Amino acid sequence: MIRQGLQAEGITVSIAKLCRWFGVPRRSVYYKPVKSPPKVDPKFVAPIKAMIEESPSFGYRTVAHLLGFNKNTVQRVFQLMGWQVRKRPIGFRPRIQALTSVASKPNERWSTNLCRVWAGRDG
């Protein structure tokens, strides 16, 4: 693009010289990608889309099992079409801000909020 602009103004500069000026290897100028863009097979897309519209909370494993497809194929279709279901966060995290309550003298504090008491896995 720079070379074409310079040629339009009547200045001819070789690609090697331009690469030296900008510190770019010549091979990156001539590079052409060999890998083709990923393709999605329509015979997989139609039933997967119908299943997702029916039950949008299903992940790729459930859809693959119910349709009898390979789970890797279904996951690839999910990713390429942008249908990937977000994973829920795992682990304990407080939903509300914990405020400490400190009594200044005995026999002052008689109630507390028990919704923040951890009760193990059963909740």
C-alpha atoms as a PDB file:
ATOM      1  CA  MET A   1       0.000   0.000   0.000  1.00  0.00           C
ATOM      2  CA  ILE A   2       2.835   2.383   0.847  1.00  0.00           C
ATOM      3  CA  ARG A   3       4.710   1.252  -2.247  1.00  0.00           C
ATOM      4  CA  GLN A   4       1.641   1.912  -4.436  1.00  0.00           C
ATOM      5  CA  GLY A   5       1.265   5.373  -2.907  1.00  0.00           C
ATOM      6  CA  LEU A   6       4.895   6.187  -3.634  1.00  0.00           C
ATOM      7  CA  GLN A   7       4.570   4.870  -7.200  1.00  0.00           C
ATOM      8  CA  ALA A   8       1.532   7.121  -7.715  1.00  0.00           C
ATOM      9  CA  GLU A   9       3.766  10.079  -6.800  1.00  0.00           C
ATOM     10  CA  GLY A  10       6.455   8.910  -9.246  1.00  0.00           C
ATOM     11  CA  ILE A  11       8.856   7.401  -6.692  1.00  0.00           C
ATOM     12  CA  THR A  12       9.859   3.762  -7.143  1.00  0.00           C
ATOM     13  CA  VAL A  13      11.133   1.943  -4.071  1.00  0.00           C
ATOM     14  CA  SER A  14      11.895  -1.764  -3.889  1.00  0.00           C
ATOM     15  CA  ILE A  15      10.128  -3.998  -1.375  1.00  0.00           C
ATOM     16  CA  ALA A  16      13.483  -4.952   0.138  1.00  0.00           C
ATOM     17  CA  LYS A  17      14.264  -1.299   0.855  1.00  0.00           C
ATOM     18  CA  LEU A  18      10.813  -0.650   2.341  1.00  0.00           C
ATOM     19  CA  CYS A  19      11.224  -3.690   4.596  1.00  0.00           C
ATOM     20  CA  ARG A  20      14.608  -2.390   5.778  1.00  0.00           C
ATOM     21  CA  TRP A  21      13.122   1.040   6.520  1.00  0.00           C
ATOM     22  CA  PHE A  22      10.305  -0.376   8.617  1.00  0.00           C
ATOM     23  CA  GLY A  23      12.266  -3.285  10.120  1.00  0.00           C
ATOM     24  CA  VAL A  24       9.906  -5.918   8.729  1.00  0.00           C
ATOM     25  CA  PRO A  25      11.148  -9.263   7.326  1.00  0.00           C
ATOM     26  CA  ARG A  26      10.528  -9.637   3.606  1.00  0.00           C
ATOM     27  CA  ARG A  27       8.916 -13.043   4.037  1.00  0.00           C
ATOM     28  CA  SER A  28       6.061 -11.474   6.037  1.00  0.00           C
ATOM     29  CA  VAL A  29       5.270  -9.220   3.045  1.00  0.00           C
ATOM     30  CA  TYR A  30       4.993 -12.196   0.705  1.00  0.00           C
ATOM     31  CA  TYR A  31       3.170 -14.467   3.176  1.00  0.00           C
ATOM     32  CA  LYS A  32      -0.109 -15.991   2.002  1.00  0.00           C
ATOM     33  CA  PRO A  33      -2.078 -18.100   4.497  1.00  0.00           C
ATOM     34  CA  VAL A  34      -2.515 -21.710   3.436  1.00  0.00           C
ATOM     35  CA  LYS A  35      -5.143 -22.700   5.988  1.00  0.00           C
ATOM     36  CA  SER A  36      -8.685 -22.310   4.726  1.00  0.00           C
ATOM     37  CA  PRO A  37     -11.331 -20.748   6.977  1.00  0.00           C
ATOM     38  CA  PRO A  38     -13.339 -23.253   9.036  1.00  0.00           C
ATOM     39  CA  LYS A  39     -16.461 -24.606   7.365  1.00  0.00           C
ATOM     40  CA  VAL A  40     -19.728 -25.635   8.973  1.00  0.00           C
ATOM     41  CA  ASP A  41     -21.625 -28.572   7.479  1.00  0.00           C
ATOM     42  CA  PRO A  42     -25.327 -27.627   7.052  1.00  0.00           C
ATOM     43  CA  LYS A  43     -26.470 -31.194   7.799  1.00  0.00           C
ATOM     44  CA  PHE A  44     -25.250 -30.695  11.399  1.00  0.00           C
ATOM     45  CA  VAL A  45     -26.347 -27.075  11.816  1.00  0.00           C
ATOM     46  CA  ALA A  46     -30.096 -27.522  11.184  1.00  0.00           C
ATOM     47  CA  PRO A  47     -30.813 -30.190  13.852  1.00  0.00           C
ATOM     48  CA  ILE A  48     -28.481 -28.533  16.376  1.00  0.00           C
ATOM     49  CA  LYS A  49     -30.192 -25.156  15.911  1.00  0.00           C
ATOM     50  CA  ALA A  50     -33.630 -26.752  16.279  1.00  0.00           C
ATOM     51  CA  MET A  51     -32.534 -28.453  19.523  1.00  0.00           C
ATOM     52  CA  ILE A  52     -31.075 -25.207  20.917  1.00  0.00           C
ATOM     53  CA  GLU A  53     -34.227 -23.232  20.099  1.00  0.00           C
ATOM     54  CA  GLU A  54     -36.301 -25.888  21.837  1.00  0.00           C
ATOM     55  CA  SER A  55     -34.074 -26.017  24.944  1.00  0.00           C
ATOM     56  CA  PRO A  56     -31.621 -23.078  25.070  1.00  0.00           C
ATOM     57  CA  SER A  57     -29.980 -24.223  28.311  1.00  0.00           C
ATOM     58  CA  PHE A  58     -28.579 -27.428  26.793  1.00  0.00           C
ATOM     59  CA  GLY A  59     -24.822 -27.573  26.368  1.00  0.00           C
ATOM     60  CA  TYR A  60     -22.939 -29.240  23.548  1.00  0.00           C
ATOM     61  CA  ARG A  61     -22.625 -32.591  25.381  1.00  0.00           C
ATOM     62  CA  THR A  62     -26.375 -32.894  25.949  1.00  0.00           C
ATOM     63  CA  VAL A  63     -27.161 -31.868  22.374  1.00  0.00           C
ATOM     64  CA  ALA A  64     -24.608 -34.343  21.009  1.00  0.00           C
ATOM     65  CA  HIS A  65     -26.027 -37.169  23.110  1.00  0.00           C
ATOM     66  CA  LEU A  66     -29.656 -36.469  22.194  1.00  0.00           C
ATOM     67  CA  LEU A  67     -28.927 -36.119  18.470  1.00  0.00           C
ATOM     68  CA  GLY A  68     -26.420 -38.980  18.316  1.00  0.00           C
ATOM     69  CA  PHE A  69     -23.625 -36.774  16.933  1.00  0.00           C
ATOM     70  CA  ASN A  70     -19.973 -36.700  17.950  1.00  0.00           C
ATOM     71  CA  LYS A  71     -19.546 -34.222  20.824  1.00  0.00           C
ATOM     72  CA  ASN A  72     -16.432 -32.675  19.247  1.00  0.00           C
ATOM     73  CA  THR A  73     -18.372 -31.932  16.060  1.00  0.00           C
ATOM     74  CA  VAL A  74     -21.232 -30.375  18.022  1.00  0.00           C
ATOM     75  CA  GLN A  75     -18.822 -28.295  20.111  1.00  0.00           C
ATOM     76  CA  ARG A  76     -17.113 -27.041  16.936  1.00  0.00           C
ATOM     77  CA  VAL A  77     -20.479 -26.029  15.442  1.00  0.00           C
ATOM     78  CA  PHE A  78     -21.375 -24.286  18.738  1.00  0.00           C
ATOM     79  CA  GLN A  79     -18.126 -22.308  18.687  1.00  0.00           C
ATOM     80  CA  LEU A  80     -18.218 -21.365  14.997  1.00  0.00           C
ATOM     81  CA  MET A  81     -21.865 -20.284  15.108  1.00  0.00           C
ATOM     82  CA  GLY A  82     -21.480 -18.439  18.438  1.00  0.00           C
ATOM     83  CA  TRP A  83     -23.941 -20.650  20.326  1.00  0.00           C
ATOM     84  CA  GLN A  84     -21.613 -21.624  23.173  1.00  0.00           C
ATOM     85  CA  VAL A  85     -23.397 -21.688  26.538  1.00  0.00           C
ATOM     86  CA  ARG A  86     -21.556 -19.817  29.288  1.00  0.00           C
ATOM     87  CA  LYS A  87     -20.228 -21.933  32.117  1.00  0.00           C
ATOM     88  CA  ARG A  88     -21.556 -21.181  35.583  1.00  0.00           C
ATOM     89  CA  PRO A  89     -18.979 -20.111  38.172  1.00  0.00           C
ATOM     90  CA  ILE A  90     -17.935 -22.870  40.569  1.00  0.00           C
ATOM     91  CA  GLY A  91     -17.251 -22.376  44.242  1.00  0.00           C
ATOM     92  CA  PHE A  92     -18.493 -20.454  47.223  1.00  0.00           C
ATOM     93  CA  ARG A  93     -18.748 -16.712  46.863  1.00  0.00           C
ATOM     94  CA  PRO A  94     -20.710 -14.330  49.011  1.00  0.00           C
ATOM     95  CA  ARG A  95     -23.766 -12.810  47.365  1.00  0.00           C
ATOM     96  CA  ILE A  96     -23.997  -9.867  49.775  1.00  0.00           C
ATOM     97  CA  GLN A  97     -21.455  -7.652  51.442  1.00  0.00           C
ATOM     98  CA  ALA A  98     -20.654  -8.899  54.934  1.00  0.00           C
ATOM     99  CA  LEU A  99     -20.730  -6.168  57.543  1.00  0.00           C
ATOM    100  CA  THR A 100     -19.120  -6.932  60.857  1.00  0.00           C
ATOM    101  CA  SER A 101     -21.173  -6.193  63.923  1.00  0.00           C
ATOM    102  CA  VAL A 102     -19.211  -5.559  67.066  1.00  0.00           C
ATOM    103  CA  ALA A 103     -20.860  -5.160  70.446  1.00  0.00           C
ATOM    104  CA  SER A 104     -19.242  -2.531  72.638  1.00  0.00           C
ATOM    105  CA  LYS A 105     -20.279  -4.209  75.913  1.00  0.00           C
ATOM    106  CA  PRO A 106     -21.813  -7.523  77.062  1.00  0.00           C
ATOM    107  CA  ASN A 107     -25.538  -8.167  76.785  1.00  0.00           C
ATOM    108  CA  GLU A 108     -25.943  -5.661  73.950  1.00  0.00           C
ATOM    109  CA  ARG A 109     -26.290  -7.733  70.773  1.00  0.00           C
ATOM    110  CA  TRP A 110     -29.246 -10.154  70.756  1.00  0.00           C
ATOM    111  CA  SER A 111     -29.906 -10.777  67.046  1.00  0.00           C
ATOM    112  CA  THR A 112     -27.811 -11.529  64.003  1.00  0.00           C
ATOM    113  CA  ASN A 113     -28.275 -12.348  60.322  1.00  0.00           C
ATOM    114  CA  LEU A 114     -27.885 -16.103  59.809  1.00  0.00           C
ATOM    115  CA  CYS A 115     -28.101 -16.059  56.010  1.00  0.00           C
ATOM    116  CA  ARG A 116     -24.313 -15.733  55.879  1.00  0.00           C
ATOM    117  CA  VAL A 117     -23.515 -18.741  58.086  1.00  0.00           C
ATOM    118  CA  TRP A 118     -21.831 -21.428  55.985  1.00  0.00           C
ATOM    119  CA  ALA A 119     -23.603 -24.768  56.413  1.00  0.00           C
ATOM    120  CA  GLY A 120     -21.455 -26.998  54.208  1.00  0.00           C
ATOM    121  CA  ARG A 121     -22.371 -28.426  50.820  1.00  0.00           C
ATOM    122  CA  ASP A 122     -26.050 -28.924  51.638  1.00  0.00           C
ATOM    123  CA  GLY A 123     -26.513 -25.214  52.263  1.00  0.00           C
END
